[in-house]
Amino acid sequence: MDIMKRREINFSNTSDDGCSSIACNNPIKRSVNRKKVDSVSSLNVQGSGKKVGLCQDCYRIFKKSTKKDRDMESFGR
């Protein structure tokens, strides 16, 4: 009889990893596309990969910096 392996799923909002921003080490709350984060000059991110983990404060900075771009994108639809 085969025994099924079960993986553990973390349902809590806390994460072991810290924010990808260089000056910050708070827990990750959101994942964002790296290309979009690189367009924001006030956020310097470290690491590699397609997605970047941001804490709540850094995500707020990202949202405020990209608000005009997101508004223009929605007008084009």
PDB file of N, CA and C in Angstrom:
ATOM      1  N   MET A   1       0.837  -1.168   0.000  1.00  0.00           N
ATOM      2  CA  MET A   1       0.000   0.000   0.000  1.00  0.00           C
ATOM      3  C   MET A   1       0.891   1.243   0.000  1.00  0.00           C
ATOM      4  N   ASP A   2       0.581   2.186  -0.883  1.00  0.00           N
ATOM      5  CA  ASP A   2       1.361   3.422  -0.975  1.00  0.00           C
ATOM      6  C   ASP A   2       0.914   4.413   0.089  1.00  0.00           C
ATOM      7  N   ILE A   3       1.884   5.075   0.653  1.00  0.00           N
ATOM      8  CA  ILE A   3       1.585   6.114   1.632  1.00  0.00           C
ATOM      9  C   ILE A   3       1.740   7.461   0.943  1.00  0.00           C
ATOM     10  N   MET A   4       0.704   8.271   1.037  1.00  0.00           N
ATOM     11  CA  MET A   4       0.753   9.585   0.400  1.00  0.00           C
ATOM     12  C   MET A   4       1.566  10.546   1.249  1.00  0.00           C
ATOM     13  N   LYS A   5       2.381  11.318   0.576  1.00  0.00           N
ATOM     14  CA  LYS A   5       3.139  12.347   1.276  1.00  0.00           C
ATOM     15  C   LYS A   5       2.285  13.600   1.365  1.00  0.00           C
ATOM     16  N   ARG A   6       2.373  14.267   2.483  1.00  0.00           N
ATOM     17  CA  ARG A   6       1.612  15.501   2.665  1.00  0.00           C
ATOM     18  C   ARG A   6       2.574  16.650   2.844  1.00  0.00           C
ATOM     19  N   ARG A   7       2.249  17.734   2.232  1.00  0.00           N
ATOM     20  CA  ARG A   7       3.087  18.915   2.405  1.00  0.00           C
ATOM     21  C   ARG A   7       2.438  19.839   3.421  1.00  0.00           C
ATOM     22  N   GLU A   8       3.266  20.549   4.130  1.00  0.00           N
ATOM     23  CA  GLU A   8       2.758  21.486   5.120  1.00  0.00           C
ATOM     24  C   GLU A   8       2.476  22.818   4.450  1.00  0.00           C
ATOM     25  N   ILE A   9       1.336  23.385   4.743  1.00  0.00           N
ATOM     26  CA  ILE A   9       0.945  24.665   4.173  1.00  0.00           C
ATOM     27  C   ILE A   9       0.901  25.685   5.292  1.00  0.00           C
ATOM     28  N   ASN A  10       1.581  26.800   5.084  1.00  0.00           N
ATOM     29  CA  ASN A  10       1.642  27.852   6.087  1.00  0.00           C
ATOM     30  C   ASN A  10       0.521  28.848   5.815  1.00  0.00           C
ATOM     31  N   PHE A  11      -0.465  28.907   6.701  1.00  0.00           N
ATOM     32  CA  PHE A  11      -1.589  29.808   6.522  1.00  0.00           C
ATOM     33  C   PHE A  11      -1.406  31.144   7.220  1.00  0.00           C
ATOM     34  N   SER A  12      -0.355  31.298   7.970  1.00  0.00           N
ATOM     35  CA  SER A  12      -0.148  32.554   8.688  1.00  0.00           C
ATOM     36  C   SER A  12       0.386  33.620   7.744  1.00  0.00           C
ATOM     37  N   ASN A  13       0.229  34.872   8.122  1.00  0.00           N
ATOM     38  CA  ASN A  13       0.691  35.986   7.304  1.00  0.00           C
ATOM     39  C   ASN A  13       2.176  36.245   7.467  1.00  0.00           C
ATOM     40  N   THR A  14       2.795  35.625   8.440  1.00  0.00           N
ATOM     41  CA  THR A  14       4.217  35.848   8.661  1.00  0.00           C
ATOM     42  C   THR A  14       5.023  34.966   7.731  1.00  0.00           C
ATOM     43  N   SER A  15       6.195  35.429   7.410  1.00  0.00           N
ATOM     44  CA  SER A  15       7.081  34.693   6.529  1.00  0.00           C
ATOM     45  C   SER A  15       8.475  34.680   7.132  1.00  0.00           C
ATOM     46  N   ASP A  16       9.232  33.636   6.837  1.00  0.00           N
ATOM     47  CA  ASP A  16      10.596  33.556   7.347  1.00  0.00           C
ATOM     48  C   ASP A  16      11.503  34.528   6.613  1.00  0.00           C
ATOM     49  N   ASP A  17      11.171  34.822   5.371  1.00  0.00           N
ATOM     50  CA  ASP A  17      11.997  35.709   4.564  1.00  0.00           C
ATOM     51  C   ASP A  17      11.662  37.158   4.867  1.00  0.00           C
ATOM     52  N   GLY A  18      12.664  38.010   4.681  1.00  0.00           N
ATOM     53  CA  GLY A  18      12.437  39.432   4.870  1.00  0.00           C
ATOM     54  C   GLY A  18      12.158  40.106   3.547  1.00  0.00           C
ATOM     55  N   CYS A  19      11.832  41.351   3.619  1.00  0.00           N
ATOM     56  CA  CYS A  19      11.545  42.170   2.447  1.00  0.00           C
ATOM     57  C   CYS A  19      12.762  42.198   1.522  1.00  0.00           C
ATOM     58  N   SER A  20      12.530  42.253   0.216  1.00  0.00           N
ATOM     59  CA  SER A  20      13.622  42.254  -0.754  1.00  0.00           C
ATOM     60  C   SER A  20      14.284  43.608  -0.903  1.00  0.00           C
ATOM     61  N   SER A  21      13.704  44.639  -0.317  1.00  0.00           N
ATOM     62  CA  SER A  21      14.313  45.959  -0.357  1.00  0.00           C
ATOM     63  C   SER A  21      15.587  45.938   0.484  1.00  0.00           C
ATOM     64  N   ILE A  22      16.624  46.620   0.016  1.00  0.00           N
ATOM     65  CA  ILE A  22      17.930  46.564   0.672  1.00  0.00           C
ATOM     66  C   ILE A  22      17.884  47.139   2.082  1.00  0.00           C
ATOM     67  N   ALA A  23      17.181  48.231   2.290  1.00  0.00           N
ATOM     68  CA  ALA A  23      17.180  48.909   3.587  1.00  0.00           C
ATOM     69  C   ALA A  23      16.151  48.339   4.561  1.00  0.00           C
ATOM     70  N   CYS A  24      15.415  47.321   4.175  1.00  0.00           N
ATOM     71  CA  CYS A  24      14.295  46.840   4.979  1.00  0.00           C
ATOM     72  C   CYS A  24      14.437  45.340   5.241  1.00  0.00           C
ATOM     73  N   ASN A  25      13.962  44.889   6.395  1.00  0.00           N
ATOM     74  CA  ASN A  25      13.994  43.460   6.701  1.00  0.00           C
ATOM     75  C   ASN A  25      12.689  43.011   7.364  1.00  0.00           C
ATOM     76  N   ASN A  26      11.597  43.703   7.084  1.00  0.00           N
ATOM     77  CA  ASN A  26      10.290  43.337   7.625  1.00  0.00           C
ATOM     78  C   ASN A  26       9.762  42.098   6.907  1.00  0.00           C
ATOM     79  N   PRO A  27       8.787  41.391   7.475  1.00  0.00           N
ATOM     80  CA  PRO A  27       8.231  40.200   6.820  1.00  0.00           C
ATOM     81  C   PRO A  27       7.504  40.546   5.519  1.00  0.00           C
ATOM     82  N   ILE A  28       7.564  39.635   4.572  1.00  0.00           N
ATOM     83  CA  ILE A  28       6.950  39.827   3.253  1.00  0.00           C
ATOM     84  C   ILE A  28       5.431  39.743   3.364  1.00  0.00           C
ATOM     85  N   LYS A  29       4.752  40.687   2.726  1.00  0.00           N
ATOM     86  CA  LYS A  29       3.289  40.680   2.659  1.00  0.00           C
ATOM     87  C   LYS A  29       2.783  40.475   1.232  1.00  0.00           C
ATOM     88  N   ARG A  30       3.526  40.981   0.229  1.00  0.00           N
ATOM     89  CA  ARG A  30       3.079  40.900  -1.167  1.00  0.00           C
ATOM     90  C   ARG A  30       4.238  40.506  -2.074  1.00  0.00           C
ATOM     91  N   SER A  31       3.916  39.828  -3.179  1.00  0.00           N
ATOM     92  CA  SER A  31       4.877  39.535  -4.231  1.00  0.00           C
ATOM     93  C   SER A  31       4.513  40.359  -5.451  1.00  0.00           C
ATOM     94  N   VAL A  32       5.523  40.985  -6.058  1.00  0.00           N
ATOM     95  CA  VAL A  32       5.289  41.877  -7.186  1.00  0.00           C
ATOM     96  C   VAL A  32       6.293  41.530  -8.284  1.00  0.00           C
ATOM     97  N   ASN A  33       5.908  41.788  -9.525  1.00  0.00           N
ATOM     98  CA  ASN A  33       6.781  41.568 -10.667  1.00  0.00           C
ATOM     99  C   ASN A  33       8.036  42.439 -10.548  1.00  0.00           C
ATOM    100  N   ARG A  34       9.212  41.838 -10.766  1.00  0.00           N
ATOM    101  CA  ARG A  34      10.475  42.553 -10.602  1.00  0.00           C
ATOM    102  C   ARG A  34      10.604  43.730 -11.566  1.00  0.00           C
ATOM    103  N   LYS A  35      10.149  43.582 -12.803  1.00  0.00           N
ATOM    104  CA  LYS A  35      10.273  44.673 -13.778  1.00  0.00           C
ATOM    105  C   LYS A  35       9.524  45.916 -13.322  1.00  0.00           C
ATOM    106  N   LYS A  36       8.367  45.720 -12.718  1.00  0.00           N
ATOM    107  CA  LYS A  36       7.595  46.866 -12.241  1.00  0.00           C
ATOM    108  C   LYS A  36       8.270  47.524 -11.049  1.00  0.00           C
ATOM    109  N   VAL A  37       8.868  46.728 -10.170  1.00  0.00           N
ATOM    110  CA  VAL A  37       9.548  47.287  -8.998  1.00  0.00           C
ATOM    111  C   VAL A  37      10.827  47.999  -9.422  1.00  0.00           C
ATOM    112  N   ASP A  38      11.523  47.481 -10.429  1.00  0.00           N
ATOM    113  CA  ASP A  38      12.751  48.124 -10.900  1.00  0.00           C
ATOM    114  C   ASP A  38      12.475  49.498 -11.498  1.00  0.00           C
ATOM    115  N   SER A  39      11.249  49.739 -11.962  1.00  0.00           N
ATOM    116  CA  SER A  39      10.915  51.046 -12.527  1.00  0.00           C
ATOM    117  C   SER A  39      10.773  52.117 -11.445  1.00  0.00           C
ATOM    118  N   VAL A  40      10.630  51.710 -10.192  1.00  0.00           N
ATOM    119  CA  VAL A  40      10.507  52.651  -9.069  1.00  0.00           C
ATOM    120  C   VAL A  40      11.910  52.950  -8.553  1.00  0.00           C
ATOM    121  N   SER A  41      12.311  54.212  -8.637  1.00  0.00           N
ATOM    122  CA  SER A  41      13.684  54.565  -8.268  1.00  0.00           C
ATOM    123  C   SER A  41      13.913  54.574  -6.761  1.00  0.00           C
ATOM    124  N   SER A  42      12.870  54.758  -5.968  1.00  0.00           N
ATOM    125  CA  SER A  42      13.052  54.850  -4.516  1.00  0.00           C
ATOM    126  C   SER A  42      13.203  53.483  -3.849  1.00  0.00           C
ATOM    127  N   LEU A  43      12.899  52.388  -4.563  1.00  0.00           N
ATOM    128  CA  LEU A  43      13.057  51.045  -4.001  1.00  0.00           C
ATOM    129  C   LEU A  43      14.233  50.348  -4.662  1.00  0.00           C
ATOM    130  N   ASN A  44      15.232  50.002  -3.875  1.00  0.00           N
ATOM    131  CA  ASN A  44      16.363  49.224  -4.367  1.00  0.00           C
ATOM    132  C   ASN A  44      16.189  47.802  -3.865  1.00  0.00           C
ATOM    133  N   VAL A  45      16.012  46.863  -4.793  1.00  0.00           N
ATOM    134  CA  VAL A  45      15.757  45.480  -4.401  1.00  0.00           C
ATOM    135  C   VAL A  45      16.988  44.628  -4.653  1.00  0.00           C
ATOM    136  N   GLN A  46      17.095  43.564  -3.873  1.00  0.00           N
ATOM    137  CA  GLN A  46      18.216  42.647  -4.006  1.00  0.00           C
ATOM    138  C   GLN A  46      17.699  41.288  -4.444  1.00  0.00           C
ATOM    139  N   GLY A  47      18.602  40.420  -4.859  1.00  0.00           N
ATOM    140  CA  GLY A  47      18.226  39.080  -5.261  1.00  0.00           C
ATOM    141  C   GLY A  47      17.890  39.015  -6.740  1.00  0.00           C
ATOM    142  N   SER A  48      17.523  37.810  -7.174  1.00  0.00           N
ATOM    143  CA  SER A  48      17.165  37.616  -8.574  1.00  0.00           C
ATOM    144  C   SER A  48      15.879  36.803  -8.643  1.00  0.00           C
ATOM    145  N   GLY A  49      15.269  36.810  -9.786  1.00  0.00           N
ATOM    146  CA  GLY A  49      14.014  36.091  -9.973  1.00  0.00           C
ATOM    147  C   GLY A  49      12.967  36.999 -10.580  1.00  0.00           C
ATOM    148  N   LYS A  50      11.864  36.402 -10.975  1.00  0.00           N
ATOM    149  CA  LYS A  50      10.798  37.171 -11.616  1.00  0.00           C
ATOM    150  C   LYS A  50       9.965  37.965 -10.620  1.00  0.00           C
ATOM    151  N   LYS A  51       9.837  37.455  -9.403  1.00  0.00           N
ATOM    152  CA  LYS A  51       9.004  38.107  -8.391  1.00  0.00           C
ATOM    153  C   LYS A  51       9.871  38.636  -7.256  1.00  0.00           C
ATOM    154  N   VAL A  52       9.398  39.704  -6.642  1.00  0.00           N
ATOM    155  CA  VAL A  52      10.081  40.338  -5.522  1.00  0.00           C
ATOM    156  C   VAL A  52       9.108  40.404  -4.360  1.00  0.00           C
ATOM    157  N   GLY A  53       9.558  40.024  -3.180  1.00  0.00           N
ATOM    158  CA  GLY A  53       8.719  40.097  -1.994  1.00  0.00           C
ATOM    159  C   GLY A  53       8.873  41.443  -1.315  1.00  0.00           C
ATOM    160  N   LEU A  54       7.761  42.106  -1.045  1.00  0.00           N
ATOM    161  CA  LEU A  54       7.791  43.414  -0.397  1.00  0.00           C
ATOM    162  C   LEU A  54       6.977  43.385   0.889  1.00  0.00           C
ATOM    163  N   CYS A  55       7.452  44.120   1.887  1.00  0.00           N
ATOM    164  CA  CYS A  55       6.697  44.262   3.132  1.00  0.00           C
ATOM    165  C   CYS A  55       5.582  45.285   2.909  1.00  0.00           C
ATOM    166  N   GLN A  56       4.780  45.501   3.920  1.00  0.00           N
ATOM    167  CA  GLN A  56       3.632  46.402   3.788  1.00  0.00           C
ATOM    168  C   GLN A  56       4.079  47.834   3.496  1.00  0.00           C
ATOM    169  N   ASP A  57       5.131  48.311   4.164  1.00  0.00           N
ATOM    170  CA  ASP A  57       5.597  49.688   3.962  1.00  0.00           C
ATOM    171  C   ASP A  57       6.183  49.885   2.567  1.00  0.00           C
ATOM    172  N   CYS A  58       7.005  48.931   2.120  1.00  0.00           N
ATOM    173  CA  CYS A  58       7.614  49.044   0.790  1.00  0.00           C
ATOM    174  C   CYS A  58       6.567  48.891  -0.307  1.00  0.00           C
ATOM    175  N   TYR A  59       5.561  48.050  -0.076  1.00  0.00           N
ATOM    176  CA  TYR A  59       4.487  47.900  -1.050  1.00  0.00           C
ATOM    177  C   TYR A  59       3.690  49.195  -1.173  1.00  0.00           C
ATOM    178  N   ARG A  60       3.496  49.894  -0.068  1.00  0.00           N
ATOM    179  CA  ARG A  60       2.797  51.184  -0.095  1.00  0.00           C
ATOM    180  C   ARG A  60       3.588  52.190  -0.930  1.00  0.00           C
ATOM    181  N   ILE A  61       4.910  52.221  -0.765  1.00  0.00           N
ATOM    182  CA  ILE A  61       5.769  53.106  -1.572  1.00  0.00           C
ATOM    183  C   ILE A  61       5.637  52.745  -3.046  1.00  0.00           C
ATOM    184  N   PHE A  62       5.655  51.441  -3.345  1.00  0.00           N
ATOM    185  CA  PHE A  62       5.526  50.968  -4.723  1.00  0.00           C
ATOM    186  C   PHE A  62       4.187  51.402  -5.321  1.00  0.00           C
ATOM    187  N   LYS A  63       3.096  51.237  -4.569  1.00  0.00           N
ATOM    188  CA  LYS A  63       1.774  51.611  -5.069  1.00  0.00           C
ATOM    189  C   LYS A  63       1.667  53.103  -5.339  1.00  0.00           C
ATOM    190  N   LYS A  64       2.201  53.919  -4.426  1.00  0.00           N
ATOM    191  CA  LYS A  64       2.131  55.367  -4.620  1.00  0.00           C
ATOM    192  C   LYS A  64       2.966  55.801  -5.820  1.00  0.00           C
ATOM    193  N   SER A  65       4.102  55.149  -6.041  1.00  0.00           N
ATOM    194  CA  SER A  65       4.978  55.524  -7.151  1.00  0.00           C
ATOM    195  C   SER A  65       4.406  55.121  -8.498  1.00  0.00           C
ATOM    196  N   THR A  66       3.628  54.060  -8.542  1.00  0.00           N
ATOM    197  CA  THR A  66       3.112  53.560  -9.819  1.00  0.00           C
ATOM    198  C   THR A  66       1.644  53.912 -10.051  1.00  0.00           C
ATOM    199  N   LYS A  67       1.084  54.779  -9.238  1.00  0.00           N
ATOM    200  CA  LYS A  67      -0.348  55.099  -9.352  1.00  0.00           C
ATOM    201  C   LYS A  67      -0.695  55.708 -10.710  1.00  0.00           C
ATOM    202  N   LYS A  68       0.098  56.662 -11.191  1.00  0.00           N
ATOM    203  CA  LYS A  68      -0.197  57.294 -12.482  1.00  0.00           C
ATOM    204  C   LYS A  68      -0.107  56.285 -13.618  1.00  0.00           C
ATOM    205  N   ASP A  69       0.885  55.395 -13.556  1.00  0.00           N
ATOM    206  CA  ASP A  69       1.027  54.375 -14.595  1.00  0.00           C
ATOM    207  C   ASP A  69      -0.178  53.440 -14.617  1.00  0.00           C
ATOM    208  N   ARG A  70      -0.644  53.038 -13.441  1.00  0.00           N
ATOM    209  CA  ARG A  70      -1.799  52.146 -13.362  1.00  0.00           C
ATOM    210  C   ARG A  70      -3.062  52.839 -13.845  1.00  0.00           C
ATOM    211  N   ASP A  71      -3.213  54.133 -13.543  1.00  0.00           N
ATOM    212  CA  ASP A  71      -4.377  54.881 -14.023  1.00  0.00           C
ATOM    213  C   ASP A  71      -4.368  54.988 -15.545  1.00  0.00           C
ATOM    214  N   MET A  72      -3.210  55.260 -16.126  1.00  0.00           N
ATOM    215  CA  MET A  72      -3.110  55.372 -17.584  1.00  0.00           C
ATOM    216  C   MET A  72      -3.387  54.028 -18.248  1.00  0.00           C
ATOM    217  N   GLU A  73      -2.955  52.936 -17.628  1.00  0.00           N
ATOM    218  CA  GLU A  73      -3.240  51.614 -18.159  1.00  0.00           C
ATOM    219  C   GLU A  73      -4.737  51.338 -18.170  1.00  0.00           C
ATOM    220  N   SER A  74      -5.427  51.745 -17.119  1.00  0.00           N
ATOM    221  CA  SER A  74      -6.865  51.481 -17.055  1.00  0.00           C
ATOM    222  C   SER A  74      -7.637  52.341 -18.056  1.00  0.00           C
ATOM    223  N   PHE A  75      -7.135  53.532 -18.399  1.00  0.00           N
ATOM    224  CA  PHE A  75      -7.792  54.365 -19.410  1.00  0.00           C
ATOM    225  C   PHE A  75      -7.666  53.750 -20.795  1.00  0.00           C
ATOM    226  N   GLY A  76      -6.595  53.015 -21.032  1.00  0.00           N
ATOM    227  CA  GLY A  76      -6.369  52.399 -22.331  1.00  0.00           C
ATOM    228  C   GLY A  76      -7.265  51.210 -22.595  1.00  0.00           C
ATOM    229  N   ARG A  77      -7.930  50.715 -21.594  1.00  0.00           N
ATOM    230  CA  ARG A  77      -8.779  49.530 -21.776  1.00  0.00           C
ATOM    231  C   ARG A  77     -10.131  49.882 -22.300  1.00  0.00           C
TER     232      ARG A  77
END
